[in-house]
Amino acid sequence: MTVTVAQRKARTVARLNEAAKAAGQDLRSYALQNGGRFILSGSTATGNLKYDSDIDLIVDFAPPDDRPAYAEAERICIAHGLSPDVHYLAEVSDRLLARIKDERVVIG
């Protein structure tokens, strides 16, 4: 049976969707246990994943909990087979926050 490129891409997107859901649950648990939140943006937040999508996360935890949260976000994403793009809230521009305001998903 021949598998087309389109079929492979569709399977990858389906796997990424399932992985993003599972990672979201783990991120939510971590955030609730540690008093912070993660902000999901981009194609994962909008449900428009592509076969090469990463997971865009902003870490919103107070210091000194921000560094462990950043590391945990990366670990969780990688454990679920996702490519993380993680940033601290303090380092994200107001312009970006305004742009993602309507599409973001707050976890935690």
C-alpha atoms as a PDB file:
ATOM      1  CA  MET A   1       0.000   0.000   0.000  1.00  0.00           C
ATOM      2  CA  THR A   2       1.362   3.369  -1.005  1.00  0.00           C
ATOM      3  CA  VAL A   3       1.121   6.224   1.441  1.00  0.00           C
ATOM      4  CA  THR A   4       1.048   9.680  -0.071  1.00  0.00           C
ATOM      5  CA  VAL A   5       2.787  12.732   1.336  1.00  0.00           C
ATOM      6  CA  ALA A   6      -0.622  14.237   2.092  1.00  0.00           C
ATOM      7  CA  GLN A   7      -1.598  11.128   4.066  1.00  0.00           C
ATOM      8  CA  ARG A   8       1.664  11.201   6.043  1.00  0.00           C
ATOM      9  CA  LYS A   9       1.138  14.878   6.836  1.00  0.00           C
ATOM     10  CA  ALA A  10      -2.447  14.224   7.941  1.00  0.00           C
ATOM     11  CA  ARG A  11      -1.287  11.415  10.241  1.00  0.00           C
ATOM     12  CA  THR A  12       1.389  13.675  11.698  1.00  0.00           C
ATOM     13  CA  VAL A  13      -1.183  16.423  12.359  1.00  0.00           C
ATOM     14  CA  ALA A  14      -3.481  13.921  14.077  1.00  0.00           C
ATOM     15  CA  ARG A  15      -0.589  12.736  16.261  1.00  0.00           C
ATOM     16  CA  LEU A  16       0.372  16.343  17.092  1.00  0.00           C
ATOM     17  CA  ASN A  17      -3.222  17.151  18.080  1.00  0.00           C
ATOM     18  CA  GLU A  18      -3.344  14.199  20.475  1.00  0.00           C
ATOM     19  CA  ALA A  19       0.093  15.043  21.860  1.00  0.00           C
ATOM     20  CA  ALA A  20      -0.916  18.690  22.392  1.00  0.00           C
ATOM     21  CA  LYS A  21      -4.013  17.617  24.334  1.00  0.00           C
ATOM     22  CA  ALA A  22      -1.992  15.313  26.557  1.00  0.00           C
ATOM     23  CA  ALA A  23       0.725  17.929  27.080  1.00  0.00           C
ATOM     24  CA  GLY A  24      -1.951  20.496  27.916  1.00  0.00           C
ATOM     25  CA  GLN A  25      -3.267  18.252  30.683  1.00  0.00           C
ATOM     26  CA  ASP A  26       0.225  17.821  32.127  1.00  0.00           C
ATOM     27  CA  LEU A  27       0.915  21.559  31.895  1.00  0.00           C
ATOM     28  CA  ARG A  28      -2.394  22.319  33.631  1.00  0.00           C
ATOM     29  CA  SER A  29      -1.545  19.942  36.478  1.00  0.00           C
ATOM     30  CA  TYR A  30       1.877  21.510  36.899  1.00  0.00           C
ATOM     31  CA  ALA A  31       0.480  25.042  36.836  1.00  0.00           C
ATOM     32  CA  LEU A  32      -2.216  24.266  39.396  1.00  0.00           C
ATOM     33  CA  GLN A  33       0.249  22.568  41.717  1.00  0.00           C
ATOM     34  CA  ASN A  34       2.811  25.356  41.442  1.00  0.00           C
ATOM     35  CA  GLY A  35       0.745  28.546  41.394  1.00  0.00           C
ATOM     36  CA  GLY A  36       1.291  29.818  37.883  1.00  0.00           C
ATOM     37  CA  ARG A  37       0.007  29.486  34.381  1.00  0.00           C
ATOM     38  CA  PHE A  38       1.101  28.826  30.841  1.00  0.00           C
ATOM     39  CA  ILE A  39      -0.224  30.745  27.868  1.00  0.00           C
ATOM     40  CA  LEU A  40      -0.596  28.721  24.701  1.00  0.00           C
ATOM     41  CA  SER A  41      -0.620  30.592  21.407  1.00  0.00           C
ATOM     42  CA  GLY A  42      -0.180  30.000  17.712  1.00  0.00           C
ATOM     43  CA  SER A  43      -1.522  27.115  15.719  1.00  0.00           C
ATOM     44  CA  THR A  44      -1.878  24.850  18.735  1.00  0.00           C
ATOM     45  CA  ALA A  45      -4.165  27.373  20.458  1.00  0.00           C
ATOM     46  CA  THR A  46      -6.256  27.956  17.360  1.00  0.00           C
ATOM     47  CA  GLY A  47      -6.504  24.281  16.443  1.00  0.00           C
ATOM     48  CA  ASN A  48      -4.824  24.863  13.095  1.00  0.00           C
ATOM     49  CA  LEU A  49      -1.824  22.608  13.518  1.00  0.00           C
ATOM     50  CA  LYS A  50       0.255  21.728  10.504  1.00  0.00           C
ATOM     51  CA  TYR A  51       2.577  18.778  10.144  1.00  0.00           C
ATOM     52  CA  ASP A  52       5.572  20.938  11.125  1.00  0.00           C
ATOM     53  CA  SER A  53       3.946  22.988  13.910  1.00  0.00           C
ATOM     54  CA  ASP A  54       5.670  23.643  17.195  1.00  0.00           C
ATOM     55  CA  ILE A  55       3.969  24.451  20.489  1.00  0.00           C
ATOM     56  CA  ASP A  56       4.198  28.117  21.480  1.00  0.00           C
ATOM     57  CA  LEU A  57       4.109  28.633  25.244  1.00  0.00           C
ATOM     58  CA  ILE A  58       4.575  31.603  27.514  1.00  0.00           C
ATOM     59  CA  VAL A  59       5.537  30.887  31.127  1.00  0.00           C
ATOM     60  CA  ASP A  60       3.676  33.091  33.620  1.00  0.00           C
ATOM     61  CA  PHE A  61       5.079  32.140  37.027  1.00  0.00           C
ATOM     62  CA  ALA A  62       6.570  34.429  39.640  1.00  0.00           C
ATOM     63  CA  PRO A  63      10.307  34.168  40.301  1.00  0.00           C
ATOM     64  CA  PRO A  64      11.917  31.974  41.471  1.00  0.00           C
ATOM     65  CA  ASP A  65       9.299  29.485  40.209  1.00  0.00           C
ATOM     66  CA  ASP A  66       9.575  30.724  36.624  1.00  0.00           C
ATOM     67  CA  ARG A  67      12.800  28.884  35.799  1.00  0.00           C
ATOM     68  CA  PRO A  68      11.622  25.449  36.953  1.00  0.00           C
ATOM     69  CA  ALA A  69       8.298  26.047  35.149  1.00  0.00           C
ATOM     70  CA  TYR A  70      10.150  26.871  31.928  1.00  0.00           C
ATOM     71  CA  ALA A  71      12.205  23.682  32.208  1.00  0.00           C
ATOM     72  CA  GLU A  72       9.096  21.628  33.016  1.00  0.00           C
ATOM     73  CA  ALA A  73       7.202  23.072  30.044  1.00  0.00           C
ATOM     74  CA  GLU A  74      10.022  22.043  27.740  1.00  0.00           C
ATOM     75  CA  ARG A  75      10.264  18.606  29.324  1.00  0.00           C
ATOM     76  CA  ILE A  76       6.519  17.981  29.056  1.00  0.00           C
ATOM     77  CA  CYS A  77       6.390  19.033  25.405  1.00  0.00           C
ATOM     78  CA  ILE A  78       9.392  16.940  24.423  1.00  0.00           C
ATOM     79  CA  ALA A  79       8.040  13.924  26.344  1.00  0.00           C
ATOM     80  CA  HIS A  80       4.899  14.141  24.193  1.00  0.00           C
ATOM     81  CA  GLY A  81       6.882  14.425  20.962  1.00  0.00           C
ATOM     82  CA  LEU A  82       6.274  18.153  20.522  1.00  0.00           C
ATOM     83  CA  SER A  83       8.765  20.822  19.562  1.00  0.00           C
ATOM     84  CA  PRO A  84       8.502  23.534  22.243  1.00  0.00           C
ATOM     85  CA  ASP A  85       8.982  27.257  21.698  1.00  0.00           C
ATOM     86  CA  VAL A  86       8.890  28.571  25.274  1.00  0.00           C
ATOM     87  CA  HIS A  87       9.257  32.154  26.510  1.00  0.00           C
ATOM     88  CA  TYR A  88       9.020  33.980  29.832  1.00  0.00           C
ATOM     89  CA  LEU A  89       6.107  36.417  30.077  1.00  0.00           C
ATOM     90  CA  ALA A  90       8.485  39.186  31.168  1.00  0.00           C
ATOM     91  CA  GLU A  91      10.389  38.806  27.887  1.00  0.00           C
ATOM     92  CA  VAL A  92       7.360  38.873  25.572  1.00  0.00           C
ATOM     93  CA  SER A  93       6.534  42.194  23.948  1.00  0.00           C
ATOM     94  CA  ASP A  94       3.252  43.974  24.557  1.00  0.00           C
ATOM     95  CA  ARG A  95       2.760  43.925  20.802  1.00  0.00           C
ATOM     96  CA  LEU A  96       2.877  40.129  20.702  1.00  0.00           C
ATOM     97  CA  LEU A  97       0.555  39.842  23.691  1.00  0.00           C
ATOM     98  CA  ALA A  98      -1.943  42.144  21.969  1.00  0.00           C
ATOM     99  CA  ARG A  99      -1.695  40.117  18.751  1.00  0.00           C
ATOM    100  CA  ILE A 100      -2.422  36.801  20.466  1.00  0.00           C
ATOM    101  CA  LYS A 101      -5.071  38.189  22.846  1.00  0.00           C
ATOM    102  CA  ASP A 102      -8.018  36.617  21.015  1.00  0.00           C
ATOM    103  CA  GLU A 103      -6.365  33.320  20.130  1.00  0.00           C
ATOM    104  CA  ARG A 104      -4.492  32.385  23.279  1.00  0.00           C
ATOM    105  CA  VAL A 105      -5.408  29.612  25.647  1.00  0.00           C
ATOM    106  CA  VAL A 106      -4.548  30.056  29.320  1.00  0.00           C
ATOM    107  CA  ILE A 107      -3.501  26.847  31.036  1.00  0.00           C
ATOM    108  CA  GLY A 108      -3.600  26.800  34.809  1.00  0.00           C
END
